[in-house]
Amino acid sequence: MSRDIKSDPNKIVAQNRRARFDYELVEIFECGMVLTGAEVKSLRAGQASLSEAFARIRDGEVWLENMHIPPYSQAHKSQVDYDPRQRRKLLLHKREIDRLIGKTAERGLTLVPVKVYFFHGLAKCTLALGKGKKEHEKRASIAEREAKRDIERESGRRG
């Protein structure tokens, strides 16, 4: 599944679709990413996965962990020791980081990466403060989604 990002510079590279199912997203932040050149090229080729990724605050900095960016095939051979799931620093303002520290500490909220995309040529990540859903809440959202789908199907038949 290779997508060419160069045709549309504001295209989404990777999404974490399970985030909206597993978490109630309370607040959303846009942040930059510190990447190597080969990682950017790999992202532009549309190769990334956020399925097991999470964000963590360490020493006043926000880090994206466990995001998979495969090695760029045409990169220099010196990238032999490249780890596709290495920690990547996220760029936020100091006041945003302080706010995230306070909210994750006192309310039990989690930092969840929702999507990675390019905006005006820069790699960006959307982080959300998420509150974990209970099993019955997940079932309720499934039932609500299926009810919406049935309503759409019925209105399509009548029109």
N, C-alpha and C. Protein backbone atom coordinates (compact mmCIF):
# COMPACT_ATOMS: atom_id res chain seq x y z
N MET A 1 0.83 -1.17 0.00
CA MET A 1 0.00 0.00 0.00
C MET A 1 0.89 1.24 0.00
N SER A 2 1.43 1.58 -1.12
CA SER A 2 2.32 2.72 -1.23
C SER A 2 1.56 3.91 -1.80
N ARG A 3 1.58 5.01 -1.06
CA ARG A 3 0.92 6.23 -1.51
C ARG A 3 1.99 7.27 -1.78
N ASP A 4 1.76 8.08 -2.80
CA ASP A 4 2.71 9.13 -3.10
C ASP A 4 2.26 10.41 -2.43
N ILE A 5 2.98 10.84 -1.43
CA ILE A 5 2.63 12.01 -0.65
C ILE A 5 2.99 13.29 -1.41
N LYS A 6 3.93 13.22 -2.34
CA LYS A 6 4.39 14.42 -3.04
C LYS A 6 3.29 15.07 -3.86
N SER A 7 2.30 14.29 -4.32
CA SER A 7 1.23 14.88 -5.11
C SER A 7 0.34 15.79 -4.27
N ASP A 8 0.19 15.51 -2.99
CA ASP A 8 -0.60 16.34 -2.08
C ASP A 8 0.23 16.57 -0.82
N PRO A 9 0.80 17.78 -0.64
CA PRO A 9 1.71 18.00 0.50
C PRO A 9 1.02 17.99 1.86
N ASN A 10 -0.31 18.07 1.91
CA ASN A 10 -1.02 18.06 3.20
C ASN A 10 -1.76 16.75 3.41
N LYS A 11 -1.10 15.65 3.09
CA LYS A 11 -1.75 14.35 3.14
C LYS A 11 -1.45 13.60 4.44
N ILE A 12 -2.44 12.84 4.89
CA ILE A 12 -2.27 12.02 6.09
C ILE A 12 -1.40 10.81 5.76
N VAL A 13 -0.38 10.56 6.56
CA VAL A 13 0.53 9.44 6.35
C VAL A 13 0.05 8.21 7.12
N ALA A 14 -0.29 8.40 8.39
CA ALA A 14 -0.72 7.27 9.23
C ALA A 14 -1.80 7.74 10.20
N GLN A 15 -2.76 6.86 10.48
CA GLN A 15 -3.82 7.16 11.43
C GLN A 15 -3.93 6.03 12.44
N ASN A 16 -4.33 6.38 13.65
CA ASN A 16 -4.59 5.40 14.69
C ASN A 16 -6.11 5.33 14.85
N ARG A 17 -6.75 4.49 14.04
CA ARG A 17 -8.21 4.42 14.02
C ARG A 17 -8.76 3.84 15.32
N ARG A 18 -7.99 3.02 15.99
CA ARG A 18 -8.45 2.42 17.24
C ARG A 18 -8.51 3.42 18.39
N ALA A 19 -7.81 4.53 18.24
CA ALA A 19 -7.77 5.52 19.32
C ALA A 19 -9.16 6.03 19.65
N ARG A 20 -9.97 6.31 18.65
CA ARG A 20 -11.32 6.82 18.89
C ARG A 20 -12.23 5.75 19.47
N PHE A 21 -11.91 4.50 19.24
CA PHE A 21 -12.71 3.40 19.78
C PHE A 21 -12.32 3.09 21.23
N ASP A 22 -11.01 3.10 21.51
CA ASP A 22 -10.52 2.74 22.84
C ASP A 22 -10.54 3.89 23.84
N TYR A 23 -10.50 5.13 23.32
CA TYR A 23 -10.41 6.29 24.21
C TYR A 23 -11.48 7.33 23.85
N GLU A 24 -11.91 8.04 24.86
CA GLU A 24 -12.73 9.22 24.65
C GLU A 24 -11.74 10.38 24.55
N LEU A 25 -11.60 10.97 23.37
CA LEU A 25 -10.61 12.01 23.15
C LEU A 25 -11.13 13.34 23.70
N VAL A 26 -10.43 13.85 24.71
CA VAL A 26 -10.86 15.05 25.43
C VAL A 26 -10.33 16.31 24.77
N GLU A 27 -9.04 16.35 24.47
CA GLU A 27 -8.40 17.54 23.92
C GLU A 27 -7.36 17.12 22.90
N ILE A 28 -7.21 17.91 21.83
CA ILE A 28 -6.30 17.55 20.74
C ILE A 28 -5.22 18.62 20.60
N PHE A 29 -3.97 18.16 20.39
CA PHE A 29 -2.82 19.04 20.20
C PHE A 29 -2.12 18.68 18.89
N GLU A 30 -1.62 19.70 18.20
CA GLU A 30 -0.81 19.47 17.00
C GLU A 30 0.63 19.75 17.38
N CYS A 31 1.53 18.84 17.02
CA CYS A 31 2.93 19.05 17.37
C CYS A 31 3.83 18.62 16.22
N GLY A 32 5.01 19.21 16.19
CA GLY A 32 6.01 18.85 15.20
C GLY A 32 6.76 17.61 15.66
N MET A 33 7.56 17.06 14.74
CA MET A 33 8.32 15.85 15.05
C MET A 33 9.78 16.06 14.68
N VAL A 34 10.69 15.54 15.49
CA VAL A 34 12.11 15.56 15.17
C VAL A 34 12.43 14.23 14.50
N LEU A 35 12.80 14.30 13.21
CA LEU A 35 13.06 13.10 12.42
C LEU A 35 14.38 13.23 11.67
N THR A 36 14.94 12.10 11.27
CA THR A 36 16.11 12.11 10.40
C THR A 36 15.63 12.23 8.95
N GLY A 37 16.54 12.51 8.05
CA GLY A 37 16.18 12.65 6.63
C GLY A 37 15.58 11.39 6.05
N ALA A 38 16.16 10.25 6.40
CA ALA A 38 15.66 8.98 5.86
C ALA A 38 14.26 8.68 6.39
N GLU A 39 13.98 9.07 7.65
CA GLU A 39 12.65 8.86 8.20
C GLU A 39 11.62 9.71 7.48
N VAL A 40 12.00 10.95 7.14
CA VAL A 40 11.08 11.82 6.41
C VAL A 40 10.78 11.23 5.04
N LYS A 41 11.80 10.73 4.37
CA LYS A 41 11.60 10.13 3.04
C LYS A 41 10.69 8.90 3.14
N SER A 42 10.87 8.11 4.18
CA SER A 42 10.03 6.95 4.38
C SER A 42 8.58 7.37 4.64
N LEU A 43 8.38 8.43 5.42
CA LEU A 43 7.03 8.95 5.66
C LEU A 43 6.41 9.48 4.38
N ARG A 44 7.21 10.18 3.57
CA ARG A 44 6.68 10.71 2.29
C ARG A 44 6.24 9.58 1.37
N ALA A 45 6.85 8.42 1.52
CA ALA A 45 6.44 7.25 0.73
C ALA A 45 5.19 6.60 1.31
N GLY A 46 4.71 7.11 2.44
CA GLY A 46 3.48 6.61 3.05
C GLY A 46 3.68 5.40 3.93
N GLN A 47 4.89 5.21 4.43
CA GLN A 47 5.17 4.03 5.24
C GLN A 47 5.33 4.42 6.70
N ALA A 48 4.30 4.13 7.48
CA ALA A 48 4.36 4.37 8.93
C ALA A 48 3.18 3.67 9.57
N SER A 49 3.32 3.35 10.85
CA SER A 49 2.25 2.70 11.58
C SER A 49 2.17 3.27 12.99
N LEU A 50 0.95 3.66 13.37
CA LEU A 50 0.71 4.19 14.72
C LEU A 50 -0.05 3.20 15.59
N SER A 51 -0.19 1.96 15.13
CA SER A 51 -1.09 1.02 15.81
C SER A 51 -0.69 0.75 17.27
N GLU A 52 0.57 0.71 17.59
CA GLU A 52 1.00 0.42 18.96
C GLU A 52 1.70 1.62 19.60
N ALA A 53 1.59 2.78 18.96
CA ALA A 53 2.33 3.96 19.43
C ALA A 53 1.64 4.61 20.63
N PHE A 54 2.45 5.27 21.44
CA PHE A 54 1.95 6.04 22.57
C PHE A 54 2.92 7.17 22.84
N ALA A 55 2.46 8.19 23.54
CA ALA A 55 3.32 9.33 23.89
C ALA A 55 3.55 9.35 25.39
N ARG A 56 4.70 9.86 25.77
CA ARG A 56 5.09 9.90 27.17
C ARG A 56 5.86 11.19 27.43
N ILE A 57 5.69 11.74 28.61
CA ILE A 57 6.42 12.95 29.00
C ILE A 57 7.57 12.55 29.91
N ARG A 58 8.80 12.93 29.49
CA ARG A 58 10.00 12.64 30.29
C ARG A 58 10.86 13.89 30.37
N ASP A 59 11.20 14.27 31.57
CA ASP A 59 12.09 15.42 31.81
C ASP A 59 11.62 16.68 31.10
N GLY A 60 10.34 16.93 31.10
CA GLY A 60 9.80 18.14 30.49
C GLY A 60 9.75 18.11 28.97
N GLU A 61 9.91 16.94 28.37
CA GLU A 61 9.83 16.79 26.92
C GLU A 61 8.83 15.70 26.59
N VAL A 62 8.18 15.82 25.43
CA VAL A 62 7.19 14.83 25.01
C VAL A 62 7.84 13.92 23.96
N TRP A 63 7.72 12.63 24.17
CA TRP A 63 8.32 11.63 23.29
C TRP A 63 7.26 10.71 22.71
N LEU A 64 7.36 10.42 21.43
CA LEU A 64 6.48 9.46 20.76
C LEU A 64 7.23 8.14 20.72
N GLU A 65 6.66 7.11 21.31
CA GLU A 65 7.34 5.83 21.41
C GLU A 65 6.57 4.76 20.66
N ASN A 66 7.31 3.82 20.13
CA ASN A 66 6.77 2.62 19.48
C ASN A 66 6.05 2.89 18.16
N MET A 67 6.27 4.06 17.55
CA MET A 67 5.75 4.32 16.21
C MET A 67 6.70 3.66 15.22
N HIS A 68 6.16 2.92 14.29
CA HIS A 68 6.99 2.17 13.36
C HIS A 68 7.16 2.94 12.06
N ILE A 69 8.41 3.35 11.78
CA ILE A 69 8.77 3.94 10.49
C ILE A 69 9.84 3.03 9.91
N PRO A 70 9.52 2.26 8.86
CA PRO A 70 10.50 1.33 8.31
C PRO A 70 11.68 2.07 7.68
N PRO A 71 12.83 1.42 7.58
CA PRO A 71 14.00 2.09 7.00
C PRO A 71 13.75 2.42 5.53
N TYR A 72 14.24 3.56 5.10
CA TYR A 72 14.10 4.00 3.71
C TYR A 72 15.01 3.13 2.86
N SER A 73 14.46 2.57 1.81
CA SER A 73 15.20 1.58 1.02
C SER A 73 16.44 2.16 0.35
N GLN A 74 16.44 3.44 0.01
CA GLN A 74 17.57 4.03 -0.70
C GLN A 74 18.49 4.82 0.22
N ALA A 75 18.31 4.65 1.52
CA ALA A 75 19.13 5.39 2.49
C ALA A 75 20.55 4.85 2.47
N HIS A 76 21.45 5.65 3.00
CA HIS A 76 22.86 5.27 3.06
C HIS A 76 23.03 4.02 3.92
N LYS A 77 23.98 3.22 3.61
CA LYS A 77 24.20 1.95 4.31
C LYS A 77 24.63 2.14 5.77
N SER A 78 24.94 3.36 6.17
CA SER A 78 25.34 3.60 7.56
C SER A 78 24.15 3.46 8.51
N GLN A 79 22.95 3.29 7.97
CA GLN A 79 21.77 3.12 8.81
C GLN A 79 21.54 1.65 9.14
N VAL A 80 22.58 0.88 9.26
CA VAL A 80 22.47 -0.54 9.56
C VAL A 80 21.87 -0.75 10.95
N ASP A 81 22.23 0.11 11.89
CA ASP A 81 21.74 -0.04 13.26
C ASP A 81 20.46 0.74 13.50
N TYR A 82 19.72 1.07 12.47
CA TYR A 82 18.48 1.86 12.58
C TYR A 82 17.39 1.03 13.26
N ASP A 83 16.74 1.62 14.26
CA ASP A 83 15.63 0.98 14.97
C ASP A 83 14.33 1.62 14.50
N PRO A 84 13.45 0.89 13.80
CA PRO A 84 12.21 1.48 13.29
C PRO A 84 11.25 1.95 14.37
N ARG A 85 11.39 1.46 15.59
CA ARG A 85 10.47 1.84 16.67
C ARG A 85 11.15 2.73 17.73
N GLN A 86 12.17 3.45 17.34
CA GLN A 86 12.89 4.29 18.30
C GLN A 86 12.02 5.45 18.78
N ARG A 87 12.42 6.04 19.92
CA ARG A 87 11.70 7.20 20.46
C ARG A 87 11.95 8.40 19.56
N ARG A 88 10.90 9.19 19.35
CA ARG A 88 11.00 10.39 18.54
C ARG A 88 10.46 11.57 19.35
N LYS A 89 11.21 12.64 19.36
CA LYS A 89 10.82 13.81 20.15
C LYS A 89 9.71 14.59 19.44
N LEU A 90 8.71 15.01 20.22
CA LEU A 90 7.63 15.83 19.70
C LEU A 90 7.83 17.27 20.16
N LEU A 91 7.52 18.21 19.29
CA LEU A 91 7.77 19.61 19.57
C LEU A 91 6.47 20.33 19.94
N LEU A 92 6.43 20.80 21.17
CA LEU A 92 5.29 21.56 21.68
C LEU A 92 5.82 22.78 22.43
N HIS A 93 4.97 23.77 22.62
CA HIS A 93 5.35 24.92 23.43
C HIS A 93 5.44 24.49 24.89
N LYS A 94 6.27 25.19 25.65
CA LYS A 94 6.49 24.87 27.06
C LYS A 94 5.17 24.91 27.85
N ARG A 95 4.32 25.91 27.57
CA ARG A 95 3.04 26.01 28.30
C ARG A 95 2.13 24.83 27.96
N GLU A 96 2.19 24.31 26.72
CA GLU A 96 1.40 23.14 26.35
C GLU A 96 1.90 21.90 27.08
N ILE A 97 3.22 21.77 27.17
CA ILE A 97 3.81 20.62 27.87
C ILE A 97 3.43 20.68 29.35
N ASP A 98 3.52 21.86 29.96
CA ASP A 98 3.14 22.00 31.38
C ASP A 98 1.67 21.63 31.58
N ARG A 99 0.84 22.03 30.66
CA ARG A 99 -0.59 21.70 30.75
C ARG A 99 -0.80 20.19 30.64
N LEU A 100 -0.09 19.55 29.71
CA LEU A 100 -0.19 18.10 29.55
C LEU A 100 0.29 17.37 30.80
N ILE A 101 1.38 17.85 31.39
CA ILE A 101 1.89 17.23 32.62
C ILE A 101 0.84 17.27 33.70
N GLY A 102 0.20 18.41 33.88
CA GLY A 102 -0.83 18.55 34.91
C GLY A 102 -2.03 17.66 34.66
N LYS A 103 -2.49 17.61 33.42
CA LYS A 103 -3.69 16.83 33.12
C LYS A 103 -3.44 15.33 33.19
N THR A 104 -2.28 14.86 32.73
CA THR A 104 -2.02 13.42 32.78
C THR A 104 -1.76 12.96 34.21
N ALA A 105 -1.22 13.83 35.04
CA ALA A 105 -0.92 13.44 36.41
C ALA A 105 -2.16 13.38 37.29
N GLU A 106 -2.99 14.40 37.25
CA GLU A 106 -4.09 14.46 38.21
C GLU A 106 -5.35 13.74 37.75
N ARG A 107 -5.64 13.72 36.48
CA ARG A 107 -6.91 13.16 36.04
C ARG A 107 -6.82 11.76 35.46
N GLY A 108 -5.63 11.23 35.34
CA GLY A 108 -5.49 9.88 34.80
C GLY A 108 -5.74 9.81 33.31
N LEU A 109 -5.45 10.89 32.59
CA LEU A 109 -5.62 10.89 31.14
C LEU A 109 -4.34 10.37 30.49
N THR A 110 -4.48 9.88 29.27
CA THR A 110 -3.37 9.29 28.54
C THR A 110 -3.10 10.10 27.28
N LEU A 111 -1.84 10.18 26.86
CA LEU A 111 -1.50 10.83 25.60
C LEU A 111 -1.54 9.80 24.48
N VAL A 112 -2.42 10.02 23.51
CA VAL A 112 -2.62 9.06 22.42
C VAL A 112 -2.31 9.74 21.08
N PRO A 113 -1.36 9.21 20.29
CA PRO A 113 -1.14 9.76 18.96
C PRO A 113 -2.29 9.34 18.03
N VAL A 114 -2.89 10.30 17.36
CA VAL A 114 -4.06 10.02 16.53
C VAL A 114 -3.68 9.91 15.06
N LYS A 115 -2.84 10.85 14.56
CA LYS A 115 -2.43 10.76 13.16
C LYS A 115 -1.11 11.47 12.94
N VAL A 116 -0.43 11.09 11.84
CA VAL A 116 0.80 11.71 11.40
C VAL A 116 0.55 12.18 9.97
N TYR A 117 0.94 13.43 9.68
CA TYR A 117 0.67 13.99 8.37
C TYR A 117 1.71 15.06 8.06
N PHE A 118 1.69 15.52 6.81
CA PHE A 118 2.55 16.62 6.40
C PHE A 118 1.69 17.86 6.24
N PHE A 119 2.17 18.99 6.78
CA PHE A 119 1.48 20.26 6.66
C PHE A 119 2.50 21.28 6.18
N HIS A 120 2.32 21.77 4.98
CA HIS A 120 3.25 22.69 4.33
C HIS A 120 4.68 22.13 4.34
N GLY A 121 4.80 20.83 4.09
CA GLY A 121 6.10 20.19 3.99
C GLY A 121 6.72 19.75 5.30
N LEU A 122 6.08 20.04 6.42
CA LEU A 122 6.62 19.64 7.71
C LEU A 122 5.84 18.47 8.28
N ALA A 123 6.56 17.52 8.87
CA ALA A 123 5.90 16.36 9.48
C ALA A 123 5.27 16.78 10.80
N LYS A 124 3.99 16.50 10.95
CA LYS A 124 3.24 16.86 12.15
C LYS A 124 2.58 15.62 12.74
N CYS A 125 2.31 15.68 14.02
CA CYS A 125 1.62 14.60 14.72
C CYS A 125 0.48 15.21 15.52
N THR A 126 -0.67 14.58 15.47
CA THR A 126 -1.80 15.02 16.28
C THR A 126 -1.86 14.13 17.51
N LEU A 127 -1.72 14.76 18.67
CA LEU A 127 -1.77 14.06 19.96
C LEU A 127 -3.10 14.39 20.62
N ALA A 128 -3.68 13.44 21.29
CA ALA A 128 -4.93 13.69 22.00
C ALA A 128 -4.82 13.23 23.44
N LEU A 129 -5.44 13.97 24.32
CA LEU A 129 -5.60 13.52 25.70
C LEU A 129 -6.80 12.59 25.70
N GLY A 130 -6.57 11.34 26.04
CA GLY A 130 -7.64 10.36 25.98
C GLY A 130 -7.96 9.77 27.33
N LYS A 131 -9.25 9.54 27.54
CA LYS A 131 -9.72 8.88 28.75
C LYS A 131 -10.18 7.49 28.32
N GLY A 132 -9.61 6.46 28.90
CA GLY A 132 -9.92 5.08 28.50
C GLY A 132 -11.39 4.74 28.65
N LYS A 133 -11.94 4.09 27.63
CA LYS A 133 -13.35 3.67 27.69
C LYS A 133 -13.45 2.31 28.35
N LYS A 134 -14.53 2.11 29.06
CA LYS A 134 -14.82 0.80 29.64
C LYS A 134 -15.46 -0.07 28.58
N GLU A 135 -15.54 -1.36 28.85
CA GLU A 135 -16.07 -2.32 27.87
C GLU A 135 -17.51 -1.99 27.47
N HIS A 136 -18.34 -1.61 28.45
CA HIS A 136 -19.74 -1.31 28.11
C HIS A 136 -19.85 -0.04 27.27
N GLU A 137 -18.92 0.92 27.46
CA GLU A 137 -18.92 2.13 26.63
C GLU A 137 -18.55 1.81 25.20
N LYS A 138 -17.63 0.85 25.01
CA LYS A 138 -17.25 0.44 23.67
C LYS A 138 -18.43 -0.22 22.97
N ARG A 139 -19.17 -1.06 23.70
CA ARG A 139 -20.34 -1.71 23.10
C ARG A 139 -21.39 -0.68 22.72
N ALA A 140 -21.56 0.35 23.56
CA ALA A 140 -22.54 1.40 23.26
C ALA A 140 -22.14 2.17 22.00
N SER A 141 -20.85 2.43 21.82
CA SER A 141 -20.44 3.15 20.62
C SER A 141 -20.60 2.28 19.37
N ILE A 142 -20.41 0.98 19.50
CA ILE A 142 -20.64 0.08 18.36
C ILE A 142 -22.12 0.08 17.99
N ALA A 143 -23.00 -0.01 19.00
CA ALA A 143 -24.44 -0.01 18.75
C ALA A 143 -24.88 1.31 18.11
N GLU A 144 -24.33 2.41 18.58
CA GLU A 144 -24.68 3.72 18.02
C GLU A 144 -24.24 3.83 16.56
N ARG A 145 -23.04 3.35 16.26
CA ARG A 145 -22.53 3.38 14.90
C ARG A 145 -23.39 2.53 13.97
N GLU A 146 -23.78 1.34 14.43
CA GLU A 146 -24.62 0.46 13.61
C GLU A 146 -26.01 1.05 13.40
N ALA A 147 -26.55 1.72 14.41
CA ALA A 147 -27.86 2.37 14.26
C ALA A 147 -27.78 3.48 13.22
N LYS A 148 -26.71 4.27 13.25
CA LYS A 148 -26.52 5.33 12.26
C LYS A 148 -26.43 4.74 10.86
N ARG A 149 -25.72 3.65 10.74
CA ARG A 149 -25.55 2.98 9.45
C ARG A 149 -26.90 2.49 8.92
N ASP A 150 -27.73 1.91 9.80
CA ASP A 150 -29.06 1.44 9.39
C ASP A 150 -29.95 2.60 8.94
N ILE A 151 -29.89 3.72 9.65
CA ILE A 151 -30.69 4.89 9.29
C ILE A 151 -30.27 5.40 7.91
N GLU A 152 -28.96 5.47 7.68
CA GLU A 152 -28.45 5.92 6.37
C GLU A 152 -28.90 4.98 5.26
N ARG A 153 -28.86 3.71 5.54
CA ARG A 153 -29.25 2.69 4.54
C ARG A 153 -30.73 2.84 4.19
N GLU A 154 -31.56 3.03 5.23
CA GLU A 154 -33.01 3.18 5.00
C GLU A 154 -33.34 4.49 4.25
N SER A 155 -32.66 5.57 4.63
CA SER A 155 -32.94 6.83 3.94
C SER A 155 -32.46 6.78 2.50
N GLY A 156 -31.46 5.98 2.20
CA GLY A 156 -30.99 5.81 0.82
C GLY A 156 -32.00 5.05 -0.02
N ARG A 157 -32.69 4.12 0.56
CA ARG A 157 -33.68 3.34 -0.19
C ARG A 157 -34.91 4.17 -0.53
N ARG A 158 -35.29 5.06 0.37
CA ARG A 158 -36.51 5.85 0.17
C ARG A 158 -36.30 6.97 -0.82
N GLY A 159 -35.09 7.52 -0.86
CA GLY A 159 -34.81 8.71 -1.68
C GLY A 159 -34.50 8.35 -3.05
